[in-house]
């Protein structure tokens, strides 16, 4: 058994006194709080950046790509495609 031994953290002299805390457990100062907030901000920023890299936003195709896709799927005829392509290239004609 543990005769003559005391549990860790209890003074052996029988006196109950407050245990001395290491320096890293002491009250935080102003610069320590700033450093902690910056560390948490960096951690959250890294997490957001990682999620954005893993799941990128879908980019909307431009008008020419949509026009070519509609021609390829048969939604537009060749004449309609050429007319709409001309409008995209030249811009809409104004009525006189």
PDB file of N, CA and C in Angstrom:
ATOM      1  N   UNK A   1       0.820  -1.175   0.000  1.00  0.00           N
ATOM      2  CA  UNK A   1       0.000   0.000   0.000  1.00  0.00           C
ATOM      3  C   UNK A   1       0.867   1.243   0.000  1.00  0.00           C
ATOM      4  N   UNK A   2       0.189   2.375   0.139  1.00  0.00           N
ATOM      5  CA  UNK A   2       0.897   3.640   0.064  1.00  0.00           C
ATOM      6  C   UNK A   2       1.106   4.235   1.450  1.00  0.00           C
ATOM      7  N   UNK A   3       1.718   3.485   2.320  1.00  0.00           N
ATOM      8  CA  UNK A   3       1.948   3.972   3.679  1.00  0.00           C
ATOM      9  C   UNK A   3       3.096   4.970   3.643  1.00  0.00           C
ATOM     10  N   UNK A   4       2.903   6.125   4.257  1.00  0.00           N
ATOM     11  CA  UNK A   4       3.956   7.139   4.325  1.00  0.00           C
ATOM     12  C   UNK A   4       4.041   8.000   3.082  1.00  0.00           C
ATOM     13  N   UNK A   5       3.212   7.750   2.104  1.00  0.00           N
ATOM     14  CA  UNK A   5       3.245   8.549   0.873  1.00  0.00           C
ATOM     15  C   UNK A   5       2.000   9.426   0.802  1.00  0.00           C
ATOM     16  N   UNK A   6       2.143  10.545   0.150  1.00  0.00           N
ATOM     17  CA  UNK A   6       0.984  11.423  -0.053  1.00  0.00           C
ATOM     18  C   UNK A   6       0.685  11.479  -1.544  1.00  0.00           C
ATOM     19  N   UNK A   7      -0.557  11.710  -1.889  1.00  0.00           N
ATOM     20  CA  UNK A   7      -0.888  11.843  -3.307  1.00  0.00           C
ATOM     21  C   UNK A   7      -0.179  13.048  -3.907  1.00  0.00           C
ATOM     22  N   UNK A   8       0.027  12.981  -5.191  1.00  0.00           N
ATOM     23  CA  UNK A   8       0.711  14.067  -5.894  1.00  0.00           C
ATOM     24  C   UNK A   8      -0.112  15.338  -5.781  1.00  0.00           C
ATOM     25  N   UNK A   9       0.515  16.435  -5.463  1.00  0.00           N
ATOM     26  CA  UNK A   9      -0.129  17.725  -5.381  1.00  0.00           C
ATOM     27  C   UNK A   9      -0.541  18.122  -3.973  1.00  0.00           C
ATOM     28  N   UNK A  10      -0.518  17.212  -3.013  1.00  0.00           N
ATOM     29  CA  UNK A  10      -0.867  17.544  -1.639  1.00  0.00           C
ATOM     30  C   UNK A  10       0.437  17.680  -0.855  1.00  0.00           C
ATOM     31  N   UNK A  11       0.622  18.800  -0.172  1.00  0.00           N
ATOM     32  CA  UNK A  11       1.872  18.970   0.571  1.00  0.00           C
ATOM     33  C   UNK A  11       2.023  17.889   1.647  1.00  0.00           C
ATOM     34  N   UNK A  12       3.237  17.413   1.818  1.00  0.00           N
ATOM     35  CA  UNK A  12       3.485  16.329   2.761  1.00  0.00           C
ATOM     36  C   UNK A  12       3.599  16.810   4.203  1.00  0.00           C
ATOM     37  N   UNK A  13       3.741  18.113   4.442  1.00  0.00           N
ATOM     38  CA  UNK A  13       3.915  18.612   5.799  1.00  0.00           C
ATOM     39  C   UNK A  13       2.590  18.784   6.533  1.00  0.00           C
ATOM     40  N   UNK A  14       1.489  18.421   5.895  1.00  0.00           N
ATOM     41  CA  UNK A  14       0.204  18.491   6.560  1.00  0.00           C
ATOM     42  C   UNK A  14      -0.472  19.836   6.430  1.00  0.00           C
ATOM     43  N   UNK A  15       0.244  20.844   6.025  1.00  0.00           N
ATOM     44  CA  UNK A  15      -0.334  22.165   5.840  1.00  0.00           C
ATOM     45  C   UNK A  15      -1.074  22.209   4.517  1.00  0.00           C
ATOM     46  N   UNK A  16      -2.234  22.805   4.533  1.00  0.00           N
ATOM     47  CA  UNK A  16      -2.934  23.019   3.274  1.00  0.00           C
ATOM     48  C   UNK A  16      -2.602  24.428   2.818  1.00  0.00           C
ATOM     49  N   UNK A  17      -1.862  24.518   1.783  1.00  0.00           N
ATOM     50  CA  UNK A  17      -1.499  25.820   1.229  1.00  0.00           C
ATOM     51  C   UNK A  17      -1.802  25.798  -0.263  1.00  0.00           C
ATOM     52  N   UNK A  18      -1.937  26.949  -0.797  1.00  0.00           N
ATOM     53  CA  UNK A  18      -2.243  27.042  -2.222  1.00  0.00           C
ATOM     54  C   UNK A  18      -1.023  26.599  -3.013  1.00  0.00           C
ATOM     55  N   UNK A  19      -1.247  25.696  -3.942  1.00  0.00           N
ATOM     56  CA  UNK A  19      -0.134  25.200  -4.766  1.00  0.00           C
ATOM     57  C   UNK A  19       0.343  26.315  -5.686  1.00  0.00           C
ATOM     58  N   UNK A  20       1.626  26.343  -5.889  1.00  0.00           N
ATOM     59  CA  UNK A  20       2.194  27.345  -6.779  1.00  0.00           C
ATOM     60  C   UNK A  20       1.899  26.943  -8.211  1.00  0.00           C
ATOM     61  N   UNK A  21       1.413  27.904  -8.969  1.00  0.00           N
ATOM     62  CA  UNK A  21       1.062  27.631 -10.354  1.00  0.00           C
ATOM     63  C   UNK A  21       2.231  28.012 -11.241  1.00  0.00           C
ATOM     64  N   UNK A  22       2.435  27.251 -12.313  1.00  0.00           N
ATOM     65  CA  UNK A  22       3.486  27.632 -13.261  1.00  0.00           C
ATOM     66  C   UNK A  22       3.172  28.989 -13.898  1.00  0.00           C
ATOM     67  N   UNK A  23       4.177  29.611 -14.475  1.00  0.00           N
ATOM     68  CA  UNK A  23       4.020  30.945 -15.045  1.00  0.00           C
ATOM     69  C   UNK A  23       3.015  30.966 -16.192  1.00  0.00           C
ATOM     70  N   UNK A  24       2.894  29.882 -16.935  1.00  0.00           N
ATOM     71  CA  UNK A  24       1.976  29.880 -18.071  1.00  0.00           C
ATOM     72  C   UNK A  24       0.514  29.784 -17.636  1.00  0.00           C
ATOM     73  N   UNK A  25       0.248  29.557 -16.381  1.00  0.00           N
ATOM     74  CA  UNK A  25      -1.124  29.516 -15.874  1.00  0.00           C
ATOM     75  C   UNK A  25      -1.520  30.818 -15.196  1.00  0.00           C
ATOM     76  N   UNK A  26      -0.664  31.798 -15.201  1.00  0.00           N
ATOM     77  CA  UNK A  26      -0.963  33.050 -14.502  1.00  0.00           C
ATOM     78  C   UNK A  26      -1.967  33.867 -15.305  1.00  0.00           C
ATOM     79  N   UNK A  27      -2.403  34.951 -14.726  1.00  0.00           N
ATOM     80  CA  UNK A  27      -3.375  35.823 -15.387  1.00  0.00           C
ATOM     81  C   UNK A  27      -2.771  36.377 -16.670  1.00  0.00           C
ATOM     82  N   UNK A  28      -3.591  36.464 -17.692  1.00  0.00           N
ATOM     83  CA  UNK A  28      -3.111  36.934 -18.996  1.00  0.00           C
ATOM     84  C   UNK A  28      -3.003  38.442 -19.001  1.00  0.00           C
ATOM     85  N   UNK A  29      -2.004  38.936 -19.685  1.00  0.00           N
ATOM     86  CA  UNK A  29      -1.819  40.376 -19.827  1.00  0.00           C
ATOM     87  C   UNK A  29      -2.391  40.811 -21.180  1.00  0.00           C
ATOM     88  N   UNK A  30      -2.353  42.086 -21.446  1.00  0.00           N
ATOM     89  CA  UNK A  30      -2.885  42.628 -22.700  1.00  0.00           C
ATOM     90  C   UNK A  30      -2.266  42.017 -23.945  1.00  0.00           C
ATOM     91  N   UNK A  31      -0.931  42.000 -24.046  1.00  0.00           N
ATOM     92  CA  UNK A  31      -0.321  41.390 -25.230  1.00  0.00           C
ATOM     93  C   UNK A  31      -0.667  39.908 -25.386  1.00  0.00           C
ATOM     94  N   UNK A  32      -0.852  39.211 -24.281  1.00  0.00           N
ATOM     95  CA  UNK A  32      -1.222  37.800 -24.365  1.00  0.00           C
ATOM     96  C   UNK A  32      -2.606  37.638 -24.982  1.00  0.00           C
ATOM     97  N   UNK A  33      -3.536  38.521 -24.605  1.00  0.00           N
ATOM     98  CA  UNK A  33      -4.877  38.459 -25.179  1.00  0.00           C
ATOM     99  C   UNK A  33      -4.843  38.761 -26.667  1.00  0.00           C
ATOM    100  N   UNK A  34      -4.052  39.744 -27.047  1.00  0.00           N
ATOM    101  CA  UNK A  34      -3.941  40.088 -28.466  1.00  0.00           C
ATOM    102  C   UNK A  34      -3.381  38.909 -29.245  1.00  0.00           C
ATOM    103  N   UNK A  35      -2.341  38.286 -28.708  1.00  0.00           N
ATOM    104  CA  UNK A  35      -1.743  37.131 -29.366  1.00  0.00           C
ATOM    105  C   UNK A  35      -2.745  35.983 -29.475  1.00  0.00           C
ATOM    106  N   UNK A  36      -3.526  35.761 -28.445  1.00  0.00           N
ATOM    107  CA  UNK A  36      -4.507  34.685 -28.475  1.00  0.00           C
ATOM    108  C   UNK A  36      -5.592  34.969 -29.516  1.00  0.00           C
ATOM    109  N   UNK A  37      -6.068  36.220 -29.581  1.00  0.00           N
ATOM    110  CA  UNK A  37      -7.089  36.569 -30.561  1.00  0.00           C
ATOM    111  C   UNK A  37      -6.535  36.412 -31.978  1.00  0.00           C
ATOM    112  N   UNK A  38      -5.305  36.833 -32.199  1.00  0.00           N
ATOM    113  CA  UNK A  38      -4.687  36.679 -33.521  1.00  0.00           C
ATOM    114  C   UNK A  38      -4.520  35.203 -33.883  1.00  0.00           C
ATOM    115  N   UNK A  39      -4.154  34.387 -32.919  1.00  0.00           N
ATOM    116  CA  UNK A  39      -3.996  32.954 -33.187  1.00  0.00           C
ATOM    117  C   UNK A  39      -5.339  32.326 -33.559  1.00  0.00           C
ATOM    118  N   UNK A  40      -6.415  32.678 -32.845  1.00  0.00           N
ATOM    119  CA  UNK A  40      -7.729  32.145 -33.169  1.00  0.00           C
ATOM    120  C   UNK A  40      -8.203  32.655 -34.533  1.00  0.00           C
ATOM    121  N   UNK A  41      -7.943  33.914 -34.826  1.00  0.00           N
ATOM    122  CA  UNK A  41      -8.331  34.465 -36.128  1.00  0.00           C
ATOM    123  C   UNK A  41      -7.591  33.755 -37.254  1.00  0.00           C
ATOM    124  N   UNK A  42      -6.311  33.478 -37.039  1.00  0.00           N
ATOM    125  CA  UNK A  42      -5.537  32.748 -38.051  1.00  0.00           C
ATOM    126  C   UNK A  42      -6.083  31.327 -38.231  1.00  0.00           C
ATOM    127  N   UNK A  43      -6.455  30.688 -37.158  1.00  0.00           N
ATOM    128  CA  UNK A  43      -6.996  29.335 -37.238  1.00  0.00           C
ATOM    129  C   UNK A  43      -8.335  29.313 -37.970  1.00  0.00           C
ATOM    130  N   UNK A  44      -9.211  30.249 -37.652  1.00  0.00           N
ATOM    131  CA  UNK A  44     -10.508  30.318 -38.334  1.00  0.00           C
ATOM    132  C   UNK A  44     -10.300  30.686 -39.804  1.00  0.00           C
ATOM    133  N   UNK A  45      -9.398  31.619 -40.071  1.00  0.00           N
ATOM    134  CA  UNK A  45      -9.104  31.993 -41.456  1.00  0.00           C
ATOM    135  C   UNK A  45      -8.565  30.820 -42.258  1.00  0.00           C
ATOM    136  N   UNK A  46      -7.710  30.024 -41.654  1.00  0.00           N
ATOM    137  CA  UNK A  46      -7.176  28.839 -42.327  1.00  0.00           C
ATOM    138  C   UNK A  46      -8.278  27.829 -42.614  1.00  0.00           C
ATOM    139  N   UNK A  47      -9.201  27.669 -41.689  1.00  0.00           N
ATOM    140  CA  UNK A  47     -10.316  26.737 -41.896  1.00  0.00           C
ATOM    141  C   UNK A  47     -11.217  27.214 -43.034  1.00  0.00           C
ATOM    142  N   UNK A  48     -11.527  28.507 -43.061  1.00  0.00           N
ATOM    143  CA  UNK A  48     -12.366  29.058 -44.135  1.00  0.00           C
ATOM    144  C   UNK A  48     -11.665  28.923 -45.475  1.00  0.00           C
ATOM    145  N   UNK A  49     -10.381  29.238 -45.525  1.00  0.00           N
ATOM    146  CA  UNK A  49      -9.613  29.123 -46.765  1.00  0.00           C
ATOM    147  C   UNK A  49      -9.603  27.678 -47.259  1.00  0.00           C
ATOM    148  N   UNK A  50      -9.435  26.716 -46.335  1.00  0.00           N
ATOM    149  CA  UNK A  50      -9.410  25.305 -46.707  1.00  0.00           C
ATOM    150  C   UNK A  50     -10.752  24.876 -47.284  1.00  0.00           C
ATOM    151  N   UNK A  51     -11.837  25.273 -46.646  1.00  0.00           N
ATOM    152  CA  UNK A  51     -13.166  24.906 -47.153  1.00  0.00           C
ATOM    153  C   UNK A  51     -13.401  25.531 -48.524  1.00  0.00           C
ATOM    154  N   UNK A  52     -12.995  26.775 -48.716  1.00  0.00           N
ATOM    155  CA  UNK A  52     -13.166  27.435 -50.017  1.00  0.00           C
ATOM    156  C   UNK A  52     -12.335  26.757 -51.102  1.00  0.00           C
ATOM    157  N   UNK A  53     -11.174  26.260 -50.756  1.00  0.00           N
ATOM    158  CA  UNK A  53     -10.346  25.556 -51.735  1.00  0.00           C
ATOM    159  C   UNK A  53     -10.904  24.174 -52.064  1.00  0.00           C
ATOM    160  N   UNK A  54     -11.499  23.510 -51.076  1.00  0.00           N
ATOM    161  CA  UNK A  54     -12.057  22.175 -51.305  1.00  0.00           C
ATOM    162  C   UNK A  54     -13.369  22.232 -52.090  1.00  0.00           C
ATOM    163  N   UNK A  55     -14.172  23.267 -51.852  1.00  0.00           N
ATOM    164  CA  UNK A  55     -15.471  23.398 -52.499  1.00  0.00           C
ATOM    165  C   UNK A  55     -15.558  24.754 -53.199  1.00  0.00           C
ATOM    166  N   UNK A  56     -14.920  24.894 -54.368  1.00  0.00           N
ATOM    167  CA  UNK A  56     -14.920  26.200 -55.034  1.00  0.00           C
ATOM    168  C   UNK A  56     -16.309  26.558 -55.565  1.00  0.00           C
ATOM    169  N   UNK A  57     -16.573  27.842 -55.645  1.00  0.00           N
ATOM    170  CA  UNK A  57     -17.839  28.329 -56.181  1.00  0.00           C
ATOM    171  C   UNK A  57     -17.876  28.067 -57.681  1.00  0.00           C
ATOM    172  N   UNK A  58     -19.057  27.789 -58.185  1.00  0.00           N
ATOM    173  CA  UNK A  58     -19.185  27.548 -59.615  1.00  0.00           C
ATOM    174  C   UNK A  58     -19.186  28.882 -60.349  1.00  0.00           C
ATOM    175  N   UNK A  59     -18.413  28.952 -61.406  1.00  0.00           N
ATOM    176  CA  UNK A  59     -18.302  30.169 -62.194  1.00  0.00           C
ATOM    177  C   UNK A  59     -19.356  30.115 -63.301  1.00  0.00           C
ATOM    178  N   UNK A  60     -20.098  31.192 -63.439  1.00  0.00           N
ATOM    179  CA  UNK A  60     -21.103  31.246 -64.503  1.00  0.00           C
ATOM    180  C   UNK A  60     -20.405  31.395 -65.845  1.00  0.00           C
ATOM    181  N   UNK A  61     -20.819  30.610 -66.834  1.00  0.00           N
ATOM    182  CA  UNK A  61     -20.200  30.739 -68.158  1.00  0.00           C
ATOM    183  C   UNK A  61     -20.595  32.060 -68.809  1.00  0.00           C
ATOM    184  N   UNK A  62     -19.756  32.522 -69.714  1.00  0.00           N
ATOM    185  CA  UNK A  62     -20.052  33.776 -70.401  1.00  0.00           C
ATOM    186  C   UNK A  62     -21.103  33.537 -71.492  1.00  0.00           C
ATOM    187  N   UNK A  63     -21.551  34.613 -72.124  1.00  0.00           N
ATOM    188  CA  UNK A  63     -22.641  34.539 -73.096  1.00  0.00           C
ATOM    189  C   UNK A  63     -22.262  33.689 -74.307  1.00  0.00           C
ATOM    190  N   UNK A  64     -21.024  33.816 -74.778  1.00  0.00           N
ATOM    191  CA  UNK A  64     -20.606  33.050 -75.963  1.00  0.00           C
ATOM    192  C   UNK A  64     -20.627  31.554 -75.662  1.00  0.00           C
ATOM    193  N   UNK A  65     -20.179  31.143 -74.486  1.00  0.00           N
ATOM    194  CA  UNK A  65     -20.188  29.734 -74.117  1.00  0.00           C
ATOM    195  C   UNK A  65     -21.621  29.213 -74.030  1.00  0.00           C
ATOM    196  N   UNK A  66     -22.515  29.986 -73.441  1.00  0.00           N
ATOM    197  CA  UNK A  66     -23.923  29.579 -73.376  1.00  0.00           C
ATOM    198  C   UNK A  66     -24.518  29.450 -74.774  1.00  0.00           C
ATOM    199  N   UNK A  67     -24.183  30.380 -75.656  1.00  0.00           N
ATOM    200  CA  UNK A  67     -24.681  30.334 -77.022  1.00  0.00           C
ATOM    201  C   UNK A  67     -24.196  29.085 -77.744  1.00  0.00           C
ATOM    202  N   UNK A  68     -22.911  28.749 -77.575  1.00  0.00           N
ATOM    203  CA  UNK A  68     -22.360  27.551 -78.209  1.00  0.00           C
ATOM    204  C   UNK A  68     -22.967  26.279 -77.631  1.00  0.00           C
ATOM    205  N   UNK A  69     -23.251  26.273 -76.333  1.00  0.00           N
ATOM    206  CA  UNK A  69     -23.897  25.108 -75.723  1.00  0.00           C
ATOM    207  C   UNK A  69     -25.309  24.929 -76.253  1.00  0.00           C
ATOM    208  N   UNK A  70     -26.040  26.030 -76.415  1.00  0.00           N
ATOM    209  CA  UNK A  70     -27.405  25.936 -76.938  1.00  0.00           C
ATOM    210  C   UNK A  70     -27.408  25.446 -78.385  1.00  0.00           C
ATOM    211  N   UNK A  71     -26.417  25.846 -79.167  1.00  0.00           N
ATOM    212  CA  UNK A  71     -26.298  25.329 -80.532  1.00  0.00           C
ATOM    213  C   UNK A  71     -25.980  23.839 -80.514  1.00  0.00           C
ATOM    214  N   UNK A  72     -25.086  23.439 -79.628  1.00  0.00           N
ATOM    215  CA  UNK A  72     -24.685  22.030 -79.562  1.00  0.00           C
ATOM    216  C   UNK A  72     -25.832  21.126 -79.113  1.00  0.00           C
ATOM    217  N   UNK A  73     -26.699  21.629 -78.228  1.00  0.00           N
ATOM    218  CA  UNK A  73     -27.808  20.795 -77.755  1.00  0.00           C
ATOM    219  C   UNK A  73     -29.006  20.848 -78.698  1.00  0.00           C
ATOM    220  N   UNK A  74     -28.977  21.693 -79.699  1.00  0.00           N
ATOM    221  CA  UNK A  74     -30.075  21.764 -80.660  1.00  0.00           C
ATOM    222  C   UNK A  74     -31.160  22.741 -80.280  1.00  0.00           C
ATOM    223  N   UNK A  75     -30.962  23.534 -79.255  1.00  0.00           N
ATOM    224  CA  UNK A  75     -31.965  24.523 -78.877  1.00  0.00           C
ATOM    225  C   UNK A  75     -32.045  25.652 -79.898  1.00  0.00           C
ATOM    226  N   UNK A  76     -30.940  25.908 -80.583  1.00  0.00           N
ATOM    227  CA  UNK A  76     -30.879  26.967 -81.584  1.00  0.00           C
ATOM    228  C   UNK A  76     -30.549  26.356 -82.941  1.00  0.00           C
ATOM    229  N   UNK A  77     -31.099  26.970 -83.969  1.00  0.00           N
ATOM    230  CA  UNK A  77     -30.708  26.608 -85.324  1.00  0.00           C
ATOM    231  C   UNK A  77     -29.467  27.402 -85.704  1.00  0.00           C
ATOM    232  N   UNK A  78     -28.902  27.056 -86.845  1.00  0.00           N
ATOM    233  CA  UNK A  78     -27.665  27.721 -87.280  1.00  0.00           C
ATOM    234  C   UNK A  78     -27.925  29.196 -87.552  1.00  0.00           C
ATOM    235  N   UNK A  79     -29.074  29.520 -88.163  1.00  0.00           N
ATOM    236  CA  UNK A  79     -29.376  30.922 -88.457  1.00  0.00           C
ATOM    237  C   UNK A  79     -29.524  31.732 -87.168  1.00  0.00           C
ATOM    238  N   UNK A  80     -30.236  31.167 -86.209  1.00  0.00           N
ATOM    239  CA  UNK A  80     -30.396  31.856 -84.922  1.00  0.00           C
ATOM    240  C   UNK A  80     -29.043  32.041 -84.243  1.00  0.00           C
ATOM    241  N   UNK A  81     -28.207  30.997 -84.316  1.00  0.00           N
ATOM    242  CA  UNK A  81     -26.875  31.075 -83.699  1.00  0.00           C
ATOM    243  C   UNK A  81     -26.059  32.190 -84.332  1.00  0.00           C
ATOM    244  N   UNK A  82     -26.056  32.235 -85.671  1.00  0.00           N
ATOM    245  CA  UNK A  82     -25.259  33.264 -86.356  1.00  0.00           C
ATOM    246  C   UNK A  82     -25.770  34.665 -86.038  1.00  0.00           C
ATOM    247  N   UNK A  83     -27.096  34.828 -85.964  1.00  0.00           N
ATOM    248  CA  UNK A  83     -27.655  36.144 -85.638  1.00  0.00           C
ATOM    249  C   UNK A  83     -27.277  36.564 -84.218  1.00  0.00           C
ATOM    250  N   UNK A  84     -27.428  35.641 -83.276  1.00  0.00           N
ATOM    251  CA  UNK A  84     -27.085  35.972 -81.890  1.00  0.00           C
ATOM    252  C   UNK A  84     -25.577  36.187 -81.728  1.00  0.00           C
ATOM    253  N   UNK A  85     -24.781  35.448 -82.458  1.00  0.00           N
ATOM    254  CA  UNK A  85     -23.319  35.637 -82.409  1.00  0.00           C
ATOM    255  C   UNK A  85     -22.953  37.024 -82.943  1.00  0.00           C
ATOM    256  N   UNK A  86     -23.639  37.433 -84.042  1.00  0.00           N
ATOM    257  CA  UNK A  86     -23.380  38.763 -84.597  1.00  0.00           C
ATOM    258  C   UNK A  86     -23.756  39.838 -83.581  1.00  0.00           C
ATOM    259  N   UNK A  87     -24.874  39.633 -82.886  1.00  0.00           N
ATOM    260  CA  UNK A  87     -25.298  40.602 -81.872  1.00  0.00           C
ATOM    261  C   UNK A  87     -24.269  40.681 -80.752  1.00  0.00           C
ATOM    262  N   UNK A  88     -23.735  39.530 -80.352  1.00  0.00           N
ATOM    263  CA  UNK A  88     -22.708  39.539 -79.301  1.00  0.00           C
ATOM    264  C   UNK A  88     -21.434  40.232 -79.768  1.00  0.00           C
ATOM    265  N   UNK A  89     -21.071  40.005 -81.019  1.00  0.00           N
ATOM    266  CA  UNK A  89     -19.823  40.593 -81.536  1.00  0.00           C
ATOM    267  C   UNK A  89     -19.959  42.099 -81.754  1.00  0.00           C
ATOM    268  N   UNK A  90     -21.090  42.519 -82.392  1.00  0.00           N
ATOM    269  CA  UNK A  90     -21.249  43.921 -82.757  1.00  0.00           C
ATOM    270  C   UNK A  90     -21.998  44.727 -81.717  1.00  0.00           C
ATOM    271  N   UNK A  91     -22.759  44.080 -80.907  1.00  0.00           N
ATOM    272  CA  UNK A  91     -23.647  44.784 -80.002  1.00  0.00           C
ATOM    273  C   UNK A  91     -24.994  44.955 -80.683  1.00  0.00           C
ATOM    274  N   UNK A  92     -26.028  45.213 -79.916  1.00  0.00           N
ATOM    275  CA  UNK A  92     -27.355  45.344 -80.537  1.00  0.00           C
ATOM    276  C   UNK A  92     -27.432  46.593 -81.405  1.00  0.00           C
ATOM    277  N   UNK A  93     -28.168  46.465 -82.524  1.00  0.00           N
ATOM    278  CA  UNK A  93     -28.337  47.617 -83.406  1.00  0.00           C
ATOM    279  C   UNK A  93     -29.481  48.467 -82.862  1.00  0.00           C
ATOM    280  N   UNK A  94     -29.261  49.747 -82.918  1.00  0.00           N
ATOM    281  CA  UNK A  94     -30.281  50.677 -82.419  1.00  0.00           C
ATOM    282  C   UNK A  94     -31.272  50.989 -83.522  1.00  0.00           C
ATOM    283  N   UNK A  95     -32.507  51.118 -83.110  1.00  0.00           N
ATOM    284  CA  UNK A  95     -33.547  51.471 -84.095  1.00  0.00           C
ATOM    285  C   UNK A  95     -33.381  52.941 -84.468  1.00  0.00           C
ATOM    286  N   UNK A  96     -33.514  53.200 -85.763  1.00  0.00           N
ATOM    287  CA  UNK A  96     -33.316  54.568 -86.253  1.00  0.00           C
ATOM    288  C   UNK A  96     -34.539  55.411 -86.111  1.00  0.00           C
TER     289      UNK A  96
END
